[in-house]
């Protein structure tokens, strides 16, 4: 009976310790204040060999370190470089961009080619999620074409694409970066 009670108490302690990090972020629980420094629950159990003491401890610093690591990972953004120039991009919030971010985690380099006098296009190397819709593009638009090619515009076009983002530069700046021959782009997480 004492062993079952010990197991129940330890399970409760571990559960409360795991929840302590969540409570600290909301600040709505009295338990938060009690666990601010650390949560320690000790129970004693008598066995046939004698008395033993077991304790479960979760310190505030351990929870904070874990939360900080998760927040840092979430704060990383996908960065686009055209040649050696890092450009500001407002990325869409869709499955295609999520897939692209996963590929960019280890850095993704794409050899682009000029096409039509208004865009650069290059193969991603594999198909990613797409949701093509008839789209009118303009300078700075970044789209997915055919599920496996990225297109960056310095002019305009109308076709079925999946929107990925928009470079926050003027049409003149985009033309300067993209209209003077084939370019290499790099996507990475920073």
N, C-alpha and C. Protein backbone atom coordinates (compact mmCIF):
# COMPACT_ATOMS: atom_id res chain seq x y z
N UNK A 1 0.82 -1.19 0.00
CA UNK A 1 0.00 0.00 0.00
C UNK A 1 0.87 1.26 0.00
N UNK A 2 1.94 1.25 0.80
CA UNK A 2 2.82 2.40 0.86
C UNK A 2 3.51 2.63 -0.48
N UNK A 3 3.87 1.54 -1.17
CA UNK A 3 4.51 1.68 -2.48
C UNK A 3 3.55 2.30 -3.49
N UNK A 4 2.26 1.92 -3.45
CA UNK A 4 1.27 2.50 -4.36
C UNK A 4 1.10 3.99 -4.06
N UNK A 5 1.07 4.33 -2.78
CA UNK A 5 0.95 5.72 -2.37
C UNK A 5 2.17 6.51 -2.84
N UNK A 6 3.36 5.91 -2.70
CA UNK A 6 4.60 6.55 -3.14
C UNK A 6 4.56 6.82 -4.65
N UNK A 7 4.13 5.83 -5.40
CA UNK A 7 4.05 5.98 -6.85
C UNK A 7 3.06 7.08 -7.21
N UNK A 8 1.91 7.09 -6.54
CA UNK A 8 0.90 8.11 -6.80
C UNK A 8 1.44 9.51 -6.47
N UNK A 9 2.13 9.66 -5.35
CA UNK A 9 2.69 10.95 -4.96
C UNK A 9 3.77 11.41 -5.94
N UNK A 10 4.64 10.48 -6.33
CA UNK A 10 5.70 10.84 -7.28
C UNK A 10 5.11 11.23 -8.63
N UNK A 11 4.09 10.49 -9.08
CA UNK A 11 3.43 10.82 -10.35
C UNK A 11 2.82 12.21 -10.29
N UNK A 12 2.16 12.51 -9.17
CA UNK A 12 1.57 13.84 -9.01
C UNK A 12 2.63 14.92 -9.01
N UNK A 13 3.75 14.65 -8.33
CA UNK A 13 4.83 15.63 -8.25
C UNK A 13 5.41 15.90 -9.63
N UNK A 14 5.62 14.85 -10.40
CA UNK A 14 6.19 15.01 -11.74
C UNK A 14 5.21 15.79 -12.62
N UNK A 15 3.93 15.46 -12.51
CA UNK A 15 2.93 16.16 -13.30
C UNK A 15 2.89 17.63 -12.94
N UNK A 16 2.88 17.94 -11.64
CA UNK A 16 2.85 19.33 -11.22
C UNK A 16 4.13 20.05 -11.62
N UNK A 17 5.25 19.37 -11.56
CA UNK A 17 6.51 20.00 -11.95
C UNK A 17 6.50 20.32 -13.43
N UNK A 18 5.98 19.40 -14.23
CA UNK A 18 5.90 19.63 -15.68
C UNK A 18 4.97 20.78 -16.00
N UNK A 19 3.90 20.93 -15.22
CA UNK A 19 2.95 22.01 -15.46
C UNK A 19 3.45 23.33 -14.92
N UNK A 20 4.46 23.31 -14.07
CA UNK A 20 4.94 24.54 -13.44
C UNK A 20 5.41 25.53 -14.49
N UNK A 21 6.09 25.07 -15.53
CA UNK A 21 6.58 25.98 -16.57
C UNK A 21 5.43 26.66 -17.27
N UNK A 22 4.32 25.93 -17.52
CA UNK A 22 3.16 26.52 -18.17
C UNK A 22 2.51 27.54 -17.26
N UNK A 23 2.41 27.20 -15.97
CA UNK A 23 1.78 28.13 -15.03
C UNK A 23 2.59 29.41 -14.93
N UNK A 24 3.91 29.31 -14.97
CA UNK A 24 4.76 30.50 -14.86
C UNK A 24 4.54 31.44 -16.02
N UNK A 25 4.23 30.90 -17.19
CA UNK A 25 4.06 31.79 -18.32
C UNK A 25 2.74 32.52 -18.27
N UNK A 26 1.72 31.93 -17.64
CA UNK A 26 0.44 32.61 -17.59
C UNK A 26 0.31 33.48 -16.36
N UNK A 27 0.98 33.11 -15.26
CA UNK A 27 0.93 33.89 -14.04
C UNK A 27 -0.43 33.83 -13.36
N UNK A 28 -1.24 32.79 -13.63
CA UNK A 28 -2.59 32.75 -13.09
C UNK A 28 -2.77 31.77 -11.96
N UNK A 29 -1.74 31.08 -11.55
CA UNK A 29 -1.90 30.04 -10.55
C UNK A 29 -1.12 30.37 -9.29
N UNK A 30 -1.73 30.02 -8.15
CA UNK A 30 -1.02 30.19 -6.88
C UNK A 30 0.18 29.26 -6.86
N UNK A 31 0.07 28.15 -7.55
CA UNK A 31 1.18 27.20 -7.63
C UNK A 31 2.40 27.85 -8.24
N UNK A 32 2.19 28.82 -9.12
CA UNK A 32 3.30 29.53 -9.77
C UNK A 32 4.21 30.17 -8.73
N UNK A 33 3.61 30.85 -7.77
CA UNK A 33 4.41 31.51 -6.75
C UNK A 33 5.16 30.50 -5.91
N UNK A 34 4.51 29.37 -5.59
CA UNK A 34 5.15 28.36 -4.76
C UNK A 34 6.31 27.71 -5.51
N UNK A 35 6.21 27.65 -6.84
CA UNK A 35 7.26 26.97 -7.60
C UNK A 35 8.26 27.94 -8.19
N UNK A 36 8.20 29.21 -7.81
CA UNK A 36 9.09 30.20 -8.39
C UNK A 36 10.55 29.86 -8.17
N UNK A 37 10.91 29.43 -7.00
CA UNK A 37 12.31 29.07 -6.75
C UNK A 37 12.56 27.62 -7.16
N UNK A 38 11.79 26.69 -6.65
CA UNK A 38 11.86 25.30 -7.10
C UNK A 38 10.74 24.52 -6.47
N UNK A 39 10.41 23.41 -7.09
CA UNK A 39 9.38 22.53 -6.58
C UNK A 39 10.06 21.26 -6.12
N UNK A 40 9.94 20.96 -4.84
CA UNK A 40 10.54 19.75 -4.32
C UNK A 40 9.50 19.01 -3.51
N UNK A 41 9.30 17.78 -3.89
CA UNK A 41 8.38 16.93 -3.14
C UNK A 41 9.18 15.71 -2.71
N UNK A 42 9.22 15.47 -1.43
CA UNK A 42 9.96 14.32 -0.93
C UNK A 42 9.00 13.40 -0.21
N UNK A 43 9.13 12.14 -0.45
CA UNK A 43 8.32 11.15 0.24
C UNK A 43 9.23 10.08 0.78
N UNK A 44 8.80 9.50 1.89
CA UNK A 44 9.58 8.43 2.48
C UNK A 44 8.78 7.14 2.38
N UNK A 45 9.46 6.07 2.06
CA UNK A 45 8.81 4.77 1.98
C UNK A 45 9.69 3.76 2.71
N UNK A 46 9.04 2.87 3.44
CA UNK A 46 9.77 1.83 4.14
C UNK A 46 9.69 0.56 3.33
N UNK A 47 10.85 -0.02 3.06
CA UNK A 47 10.89 -1.28 2.34
C UNK A 47 11.42 -2.35 3.27
N UNK A 48 11.44 -3.58 2.80
CA UNK A 48 11.93 -4.67 3.63
C UNK A 48 13.41 -4.50 3.95
N UNK A 49 14.12 -3.72 3.15
CA UNK A 49 15.55 -3.53 3.37
C UNK A 49 15.84 -2.32 4.25
N UNK A 50 14.84 -1.53 4.54
CA UNK A 50 15.08 -0.36 5.38
C UNK A 50 14.29 0.82 4.86
N UNK A 51 14.72 2.05 5.22
CA UNK A 51 14.02 3.26 4.82
C UNK A 51 14.78 3.95 3.71
N UNK A 52 14.03 4.43 2.69
CA UNK A 52 14.67 5.18 1.61
C UNK A 52 13.88 6.45 1.38
N UNK A 53 14.54 7.46 0.90
CA UNK A 53 13.90 8.73 0.61
C UNK A 53 14.09 9.00 -0.87
N UNK A 54 12.98 9.31 -1.56
CA UNK A 54 13.04 9.66 -2.97
C UNK A 54 12.52 11.08 -3.12
N UNK A 55 13.11 11.84 -4.00
CA UNK A 55 12.63 13.20 -4.22
C UNK A 55 12.63 13.52 -5.70
N UNK A 56 11.69 14.37 -6.08
CA UNK A 56 11.61 14.85 -7.46
C UNK A 56 11.76 16.36 -7.39
N UNK A 57 12.70 16.90 -8.14
CA UNK A 57 12.95 18.33 -8.10
C UNK A 57 12.96 18.90 -9.51
N UNK A 58 12.25 20.00 -9.69
CA UNK A 58 12.31 20.75 -10.94
C UNK A 58 12.64 22.18 -10.56
N UNK A 59 13.76 22.66 -11.03
CA UNK A 59 14.13 24.02 -10.69
C UNK A 59 13.59 24.99 -11.72
N UNK A 60 13.42 26.21 -11.31
CA UNK A 60 12.92 27.25 -12.19
C UNK A 60 13.89 27.47 -13.35
N UNK A 61 15.19 27.39 -13.08
CA UNK A 61 16.16 27.65 -14.14
C UNK A 61 16.09 26.59 -15.22
N UNK A 62 15.83 25.32 -14.87
CA UNK A 62 15.71 24.28 -15.89
C UNK A 62 14.52 24.55 -16.78
N UNK A 63 13.37 24.91 -16.19
CA UNK A 63 12.18 25.21 -16.98
C UNK A 63 12.43 26.42 -17.87
N UNK A 64 13.07 27.44 -17.33
CA UNK A 64 13.33 28.66 -18.09
C UNK A 64 14.27 28.37 -19.25
N UNK A 65 15.33 27.56 -19.04
CA UNK A 65 16.25 27.21 -20.12
C UNK A 65 15.51 26.52 -21.25
N UNK A 66 14.63 25.59 -20.91
CA UNK A 66 13.86 24.85 -21.92
C UNK A 66 12.96 25.80 -22.70
N UNK A 67 12.26 26.68 -21.99
CA UNK A 67 11.38 27.64 -22.65
C UNK A 67 12.16 28.58 -23.55
N UNK A 68 13.33 29.02 -23.11
CA UNK A 68 14.16 29.93 -23.90
C UNK A 68 14.60 29.25 -25.19
N UNK A 69 15.01 27.98 -25.12
CA UNK A 69 15.42 27.25 -26.32
C UNK A 69 14.28 27.15 -27.31
N UNK A 70 13.06 26.85 -26.82
CA UNK A 70 11.91 26.76 -27.71
C UNK A 70 11.59 28.11 -28.33
N UNK A 71 11.64 29.18 -27.54
CA UNK A 71 11.36 30.50 -28.06
C UNK A 71 12.39 30.92 -29.10
N UNK A 72 13.66 30.61 -28.86
CA UNK A 72 14.72 30.95 -29.80
C UNK A 72 14.49 30.25 -31.12
N UNK A 73 14.11 28.97 -31.08
CA UNK A 73 13.85 28.22 -32.30
C UNK A 73 12.67 28.83 -33.05
N UNK A 74 11.64 29.26 -32.32
CA UNK A 74 10.47 29.84 -32.95
C UNK A 74 10.78 31.22 -33.52
N UNK A 75 11.70 31.95 -32.93
CA UNK A 75 12.01 33.31 -33.36
C UNK A 75 12.82 33.35 -34.65
N UNK A 76 13.42 32.25 -35.05
CA UNK A 76 14.20 32.24 -36.28
C UNK A 76 13.29 32.51 -37.46
N UNK A 77 13.79 33.28 -38.38
CA UNK A 77 13.03 33.59 -39.58
C UNK A 77 13.81 33.15 -40.81
N UNK A 78 13.08 32.93 -41.89
CA UNK A 78 13.73 32.55 -43.13
C UNK A 78 14.26 33.82 -43.79
N UNK A 79 15.51 33.74 -44.23
CA UNK A 79 16.20 34.87 -44.84
C UNK A 79 16.48 34.52 -46.30
N UNK A 80 16.29 35.51 -47.17
CA UNK A 80 16.58 35.36 -48.59
C UNK A 80 17.76 36.24 -48.96
N UNK A 81 18.73 35.62 -49.62
CA UNK A 81 19.85 36.37 -50.19
C UNK A 81 19.81 36.19 -51.70
N UNK A 82 19.90 37.30 -52.40
CA UNK A 82 20.03 37.28 -53.86
C UNK A 82 21.47 37.62 -54.14
N UNK A 83 22.22 36.62 -54.60
CA UNK A 83 23.67 36.78 -54.67
C UNK A 83 24.18 36.92 -53.25
N UNK A 84 24.89 37.99 -52.96
CA UNK A 84 25.39 38.26 -51.61
C UNK A 84 24.53 39.27 -50.85
N UNK A 85 23.42 39.69 -51.46
CA UNK A 85 22.58 40.73 -50.86
C UNK A 85 21.40 40.11 -50.10
N UNK A 86 21.38 40.36 -48.78
CA UNK A 86 20.24 39.94 -47.97
C UNK A 86 19.11 40.92 -48.22
N UNK A 87 17.92 40.38 -48.58
CA UNK A 87 16.79 41.25 -48.88
C UNK A 87 15.66 41.03 -47.87
N UNK A 88 14.93 42.10 -47.52
CA UNK A 88 13.81 41.96 -46.58
C UNK A 88 12.61 41.31 -47.26
N UNK A 89 12.05 40.29 -46.62
CA UNK A 89 10.91 39.57 -47.19
C UNK A 89 9.79 39.46 -46.16
N UNK A 90 8.58 39.68 -46.61
CA UNK A 90 7.39 39.40 -45.81
C UNK A 90 6.84 38.07 -46.31
N UNK A 91 7.07 37.00 -45.53
CA UNK A 91 6.68 35.66 -45.94
C UNK A 91 5.20 35.41 -45.65
N UNK A 92 4.57 34.65 -46.53
CA UNK A 92 3.18 34.22 -46.32
C UNK A 92 3.15 33.21 -45.17
N UNK A 93 1.99 33.01 -44.60
CA UNK A 93 1.79 32.00 -43.57
C UNK A 93 0.98 30.86 -44.18
N UNK A 94 1.67 29.94 -44.86
CA UNK A 94 0.98 28.82 -45.49
C UNK A 94 1.87 27.58 -45.48
N UNK A 95 1.32 26.46 -45.90
CA UNK A 95 2.04 25.18 -45.87
C UNK A 95 3.27 25.19 -46.77
N UNK A 96 3.20 25.90 -47.89
CA UNK A 96 4.34 25.96 -48.81
C UNK A 96 5.54 26.63 -48.15
N UNK A 97 5.30 27.74 -47.44
CA UNK A 97 6.38 28.45 -46.75
C UNK A 97 6.92 27.58 -45.61
N UNK A 98 6.05 26.87 -44.91
CA UNK A 98 6.51 25.96 -43.85
C UNK A 98 7.43 24.89 -44.41
N UNK A 99 7.06 24.32 -45.56
CA UNK A 99 7.92 23.33 -46.22
C UNK A 99 9.24 23.95 -46.64
N UNK A 100 9.19 25.16 -47.16
CA UNK A 100 10.40 25.84 -47.60
C UNK A 100 11.32 26.14 -46.41
N UNK A 101 10.73 26.52 -45.27
CA UNK A 101 11.53 26.76 -44.07
C UNK A 101 12.24 25.49 -43.61
N UNK A 102 11.56 24.36 -43.72
CA UNK A 102 12.20 23.09 -43.35
C UNK A 102 13.40 22.81 -44.24
N UNK A 103 13.29 23.11 -45.53
CA UNK A 103 14.42 22.93 -46.45
C UNK A 103 15.53 23.94 -46.17
N UNK A 104 15.15 25.14 -45.76
CA UNK A 104 16.12 26.22 -45.52
C UNK A 104 16.86 26.05 -44.20
N UNK A 105 16.40 25.14 -43.36
CA UNK A 105 17.03 24.93 -42.05
C UNK A 105 18.52 24.63 -42.21
N UNK A 106 18.88 23.88 -43.23
CA UNK A 106 20.28 23.56 -43.50
C UNK A 106 20.84 24.39 -44.65
N UNK A 107 20.18 25.48 -44.99
CA UNK A 107 20.54 26.37 -46.08
C UNK A 107 20.24 25.72 -47.43
N UNK A 108 19.54 26.45 -48.25
CA UNK A 108 19.12 25.98 -49.57
C UNK A 108 19.60 26.99 -50.60
N UNK A 109 20.42 26.52 -51.55
CA UNK A 109 20.92 27.37 -52.62
C UNK A 109 20.24 26.97 -53.91
N UNK A 110 19.73 27.97 -54.64
CA UNK A 110 19.00 27.70 -55.89
C UNK A 110 19.61 28.55 -57.00
N UNK A 111 19.97 27.88 -58.07
CA UNK A 111 20.48 28.56 -59.27
C UNK A 111 19.27 29.03 -60.07
N UNK A 112 19.15 30.34 -60.22
CA UNK A 112 18.01 30.93 -60.92
C UNK A 112 18.39 31.27 -62.36
N UNK A 113 17.37 31.34 -63.22
CA UNK A 113 17.57 31.74 -64.61
C UNK A 113 16.57 32.82 -64.97
N UNK A 114 17.02 33.78 -65.74
CA UNK A 114 16.12 34.84 -66.21
C UNK A 114 15.10 34.21 -67.15
N UNK A 115 13.87 34.73 -67.06
CA UNK A 115 12.83 34.23 -67.95
C UNK A 115 11.87 35.36 -68.28
N UNK A 116 11.61 35.56 -69.56
CA UNK A 116 10.59 36.49 -70.02
C UNK A 116 10.87 37.96 -69.81
N UNK A 117 12.03 38.30 -69.28
CA UNK A 117 12.34 39.70 -69.06
C UNK A 117 11.63 40.32 -67.87
N UNK A 118 11.06 39.47 -66.98
CA UNK A 118 10.34 40.00 -65.83
C UNK A 118 10.47 39.13 -64.58
N UNK A 119 11.21 38.01 -64.68
CA UNK A 119 11.30 37.10 -63.54
C UNK A 119 12.59 36.28 -63.58
N UNK A 120 12.92 35.74 -62.42
CA UNK A 120 13.98 34.73 -62.29
C UNK A 120 13.31 33.48 -61.74
N UNK A 121 13.64 32.33 -62.28
CA UNK A 121 13.03 31.07 -61.86
C UNK A 121 14.11 30.02 -61.63
N UNK A 122 13.90 29.17 -60.61
CA UNK A 122 14.87 28.13 -60.32
C UNK A 122 14.24 26.95 -59.59
N UNK A 123 14.81 25.76 -59.78
CA UNK A 123 14.27 24.54 -59.16
C UNK A 123 14.64 24.44 -57.67
N UNK A 124 13.66 24.08 -56.86
CA UNK A 124 13.90 23.88 -55.43
C UNK A 124 14.63 22.56 -55.20
N UNK A 125 14.42 21.60 -56.09
CA UNK A 125 15.08 20.29 -55.93
C UNK A 125 14.11 19.20 -55.51
N UNK A 126 12.90 19.58 -55.13
CA UNK A 126 11.86 18.63 -54.78
C UNK A 126 10.53 19.37 -54.74
N UNK A 127 9.45 18.62 -54.81
CA UNK A 127 8.13 19.24 -54.71
C UNK A 127 7.79 19.53 -53.26
N UNK A 128 7.11 20.65 -53.04
CA UNK A 128 6.61 21.01 -51.72
C UNK A 128 5.11 21.28 -51.84
N UNK A 129 4.45 21.48 -50.72
CA UNK A 129 3.01 21.77 -50.72
C UNK A 129 2.72 22.96 -51.61
N UNK A 130 1.61 22.87 -52.34
CA UNK A 130 1.22 24.00 -53.18
C UNK A 130 -0.29 24.15 -53.17
N UNK A 131 -0.73 25.35 -53.45
CA UNK A 131 -2.15 25.69 -53.54
C UNK A 131 -2.28 26.75 -54.62
N UNK A 132 -2.00 26.33 -55.85
CA UNK A 132 -1.97 27.28 -56.97
C UNK A 132 -3.33 27.93 -57.21
N UNK A 133 -3.28 29.23 -57.44
CA UNK A 133 -4.45 30.02 -57.82
C UNK A 133 -4.02 31.01 -58.88
N UNK A 134 -4.95 31.38 -59.76
CA UNK A 134 -4.65 32.40 -60.75
C UNK A 134 -4.23 33.66 -60.01
N UNK A 135 -3.05 34.17 -60.33
CA UNK A 135 -2.45 35.26 -59.57
C UNK A 135 -1.86 36.31 -60.50
N UNK A 136 -2.10 37.56 -60.17
CA UNK A 136 -1.42 38.67 -60.85
C UNK A 136 -0.23 39.03 -59.97
N UNK A 137 0.97 38.95 -60.52
CA UNK A 137 2.17 39.25 -59.75
C UNK A 137 2.72 40.63 -60.10
N UNK A 138 3.55 41.13 -59.20
CA UNK A 138 4.23 42.40 -59.44
C UNK A 138 5.65 42.29 -58.91
N UNK A 139 6.42 43.31 -59.14
CA UNK A 139 7.82 43.33 -58.71
C UNK A 139 7.94 43.00 -57.22
N UNK A 140 8.83 42.09 -56.92
CA UNK A 140 9.08 41.69 -55.53
C UNK A 140 8.33 40.44 -55.10
N UNK A 141 7.31 40.02 -55.87
CA UNK A 141 6.56 38.82 -55.49
C UNK A 141 7.43 37.58 -55.61
N UNK A 142 7.29 36.69 -54.62
CA UNK A 142 7.96 35.39 -54.63
C UNK A 142 6.84 34.36 -54.65
N UNK A 143 6.89 33.47 -55.64
CA UNK A 143 5.83 32.47 -55.79
C UNK A 143 6.43 31.09 -56.04
N UNK A 144 5.58 30.09 -55.83
CA UNK A 144 5.92 28.70 -56.16
C UNK A 144 5.21 28.37 -57.46
N UNK A 145 5.97 27.83 -58.40
CA UNK A 145 5.41 27.44 -59.69
C UNK A 145 5.54 25.93 -59.85
N UNK A 146 4.46 25.29 -60.20
CA UNK A 146 4.47 23.86 -60.50
C UNK A 146 4.93 23.00 -59.32
N UNK A 147 4.85 23.53 -58.10
CA UNK A 147 5.15 22.77 -56.89
C UNK A 147 6.63 22.58 -56.58
N UNK A 148 7.51 22.88 -57.56
CA UNK A 148 8.93 22.61 -57.32
C UNK A 148 9.88 23.68 -57.84
N UNK A 149 9.35 24.85 -58.20
CA UNK A 149 10.20 25.93 -58.69
C UNK A 149 9.82 27.23 -57.99
N UNK A 150 10.83 27.98 -57.63
CA UNK A 150 10.61 29.28 -57.00
C UNK A 150 10.80 30.35 -58.07
N UNK A 151 9.93 31.35 -58.03
CA UNK A 151 9.99 32.44 -59.00
C UNK A 151 10.02 33.75 -58.22
N UNK A 152 10.93 34.64 -58.61
CA UNK A 152 11.00 35.98 -58.02
C UNK A 152 10.84 36.98 -59.16
N UNK A 153 9.89 37.89 -59.00
CA UNK A 153 9.56 38.84 -60.06
C UNK A 153 10.23 40.19 -59.87
N UNK A 154 10.65 40.77 -61.01
CA UNK A 154 11.07 42.17 -61.03
C UNK A 154 10.18 42.93 -62.01
N UNK A 155 9.24 42.22 -62.59
CA UNK A 155 8.20 42.77 -63.46
C UNK A 155 6.88 42.18 -63.00
N UNK A 156 5.95 42.00 -63.94
CA UNK A 156 4.65 41.44 -63.56
C UNK A 156 4.24 40.35 -64.53
N UNK A 157 3.31 39.51 -64.07
CA UNK A 157 2.80 38.40 -64.87
C UNK A 157 1.49 37.95 -64.26
N UNK A 158 0.77 37.13 -64.98
CA UNK A 158 -0.46 36.53 -64.47
C UNK A 158 -0.43 35.05 -64.82
N UNK A 159 -0.54 34.19 -63.79
CA UNK A 159 -0.47 32.75 -63.99
C UNK A 159 -0.98 32.07 -62.71
N UNK A 160 -1.03 30.75 -62.72
CA UNK A 160 -1.44 30.00 -61.52
C UNK A 160 -0.20 29.71 -60.67
N UNK A 161 -0.14 30.34 -59.51
CA UNK A 161 0.98 30.22 -58.60
C UNK A 161 0.47 30.02 -57.17
N UNK A 162 1.41 29.65 -56.28
CA UNK A 162 1.19 29.67 -54.84
C UNK A 162 2.05 30.80 -54.29
N UNK A 163 1.44 31.74 -53.61
CA UNK A 163 2.21 32.86 -53.07
C UNK A 163 3.09 32.39 -51.91
N UNK A 164 4.35 32.85 -51.92
CA UNK A 164 5.31 32.54 -50.85
C UNK A 164 5.66 33.79 -50.04
N UNK A 165 5.78 34.92 -50.70
CA UNK A 165 6.15 36.14 -49.99
C UNK A 165 6.35 37.30 -50.93
N UNK A 166 6.83 38.39 -50.34
CA UNK A 166 7.09 39.60 -51.13
C UNK A 166 8.34 40.27 -50.60
N UNK A 167 9.28 40.54 -51.51
CA UNK A 167 10.49 41.27 -51.17
C UNK A 167 10.11 42.74 -50.98
N UNK A 168 10.55 43.30 -49.87
CA UNK A 168 10.19 44.68 -49.54
C UNK A 168 11.26 45.64 -50.09
N UNK A 169 11.35 45.69 -51.44
CA UNK A 169 12.24 46.62 -52.14
C UNK A 169 11.45 47.25 -53.28
N UNK A 170 11.93 48.39 -53.76
CA UNK A 170 11.26 49.08 -54.86
C UNK A 170 11.45 48.29 -56.16
N UNK A 171 10.65 48.63 -57.16
CA UNK A 171 10.77 47.97 -58.46
C UNK A 171 12.15 48.22 -59.06
N UNK A 172 12.69 49.43 -58.90
CA UNK A 172 14.03 49.74 -59.41
C UNK A 172 15.09 48.86 -58.74
N UNK A 173 14.97 48.70 -57.41
CA UNK A 173 15.94 47.86 -56.68
C UNK A 173 15.83 46.40 -57.12
N UNK A 174 14.60 45.92 -57.32
CA UNK A 174 14.41 44.53 -57.77
C UNK A 174 14.98 44.34 -59.18
N UNK A 175 14.74 45.31 -60.03
CA UNK A 175 15.27 45.24 -61.40
C UNK A 175 16.79 45.19 -61.39
N UNK A 176 17.39 46.01 -60.55
CA UNK A 176 18.86 46.03 -60.43
C UNK A 176 19.40 44.67 -59.98
N UNK A 177 18.71 44.05 -59.02
CA UNK A 177 19.17 42.76 -58.49
C UNK A 177 18.95 41.59 -59.45
N UNK A 178 17.88 41.64 -60.26
CA UNK A 178 17.47 40.45 -61.01
C UNK A 178 17.57 40.53 -62.54
N UNK A 179 17.76 41.70 -63.12
CA UNK A 179 17.66 41.82 -64.58
C UNK A 179 18.99 41.77 -65.33
N UNK A 180 20.08 41.54 -64.62
CA UNK A 180 21.40 41.60 -65.27
C UNK A 180 22.02 40.22 -65.47
N UNK A 181 21.22 39.21 -65.66
CA UNK A 181 21.73 37.85 -65.87
C UNK A 181 21.27 36.93 -64.75
N UNK A 182 21.57 35.65 -64.93
CA UNK A 182 21.16 34.64 -63.95
C UNK A 182 21.77 34.93 -62.58
N UNK A 183 21.03 34.59 -61.52
CA UNK A 183 21.50 34.83 -60.16
C UNK A 183 21.39 33.54 -59.35
N UNK A 184 22.04 33.55 -58.23
CA UNK A 184 21.93 32.46 -57.25
C UNK A 184 21.24 33.03 -56.03
N UNK A 185 20.24 32.31 -55.51
CA UNK A 185 19.61 32.73 -54.28
C UNK A 185 19.90 31.71 -53.19
N UNK A 186 19.88 32.19 -51.95
CA UNK A 186 20.09 31.31 -50.80
C UNK A 186 18.98 31.58 -49.80
N UNK A 187 18.39 30.51 -49.31
CA UNK A 187 17.41 30.58 -48.23
C UNK A 187 18.01 29.92 -47.01
N UNK A 188 17.96 30.60 -45.87
CA UNK A 188 18.48 30.02 -44.65
C UNK A 188 17.67 30.55 -43.47
N UNK A 189 17.83 29.90 -42.32
CA UNK A 189 17.14 30.32 -41.11
C UNK A 189 18.10 31.08 -40.21
N UNK A 190 17.71 32.25 -39.78
CA UNK A 190 18.53 33.06 -38.88
C UNK A 190 17.68 33.56 -37.73
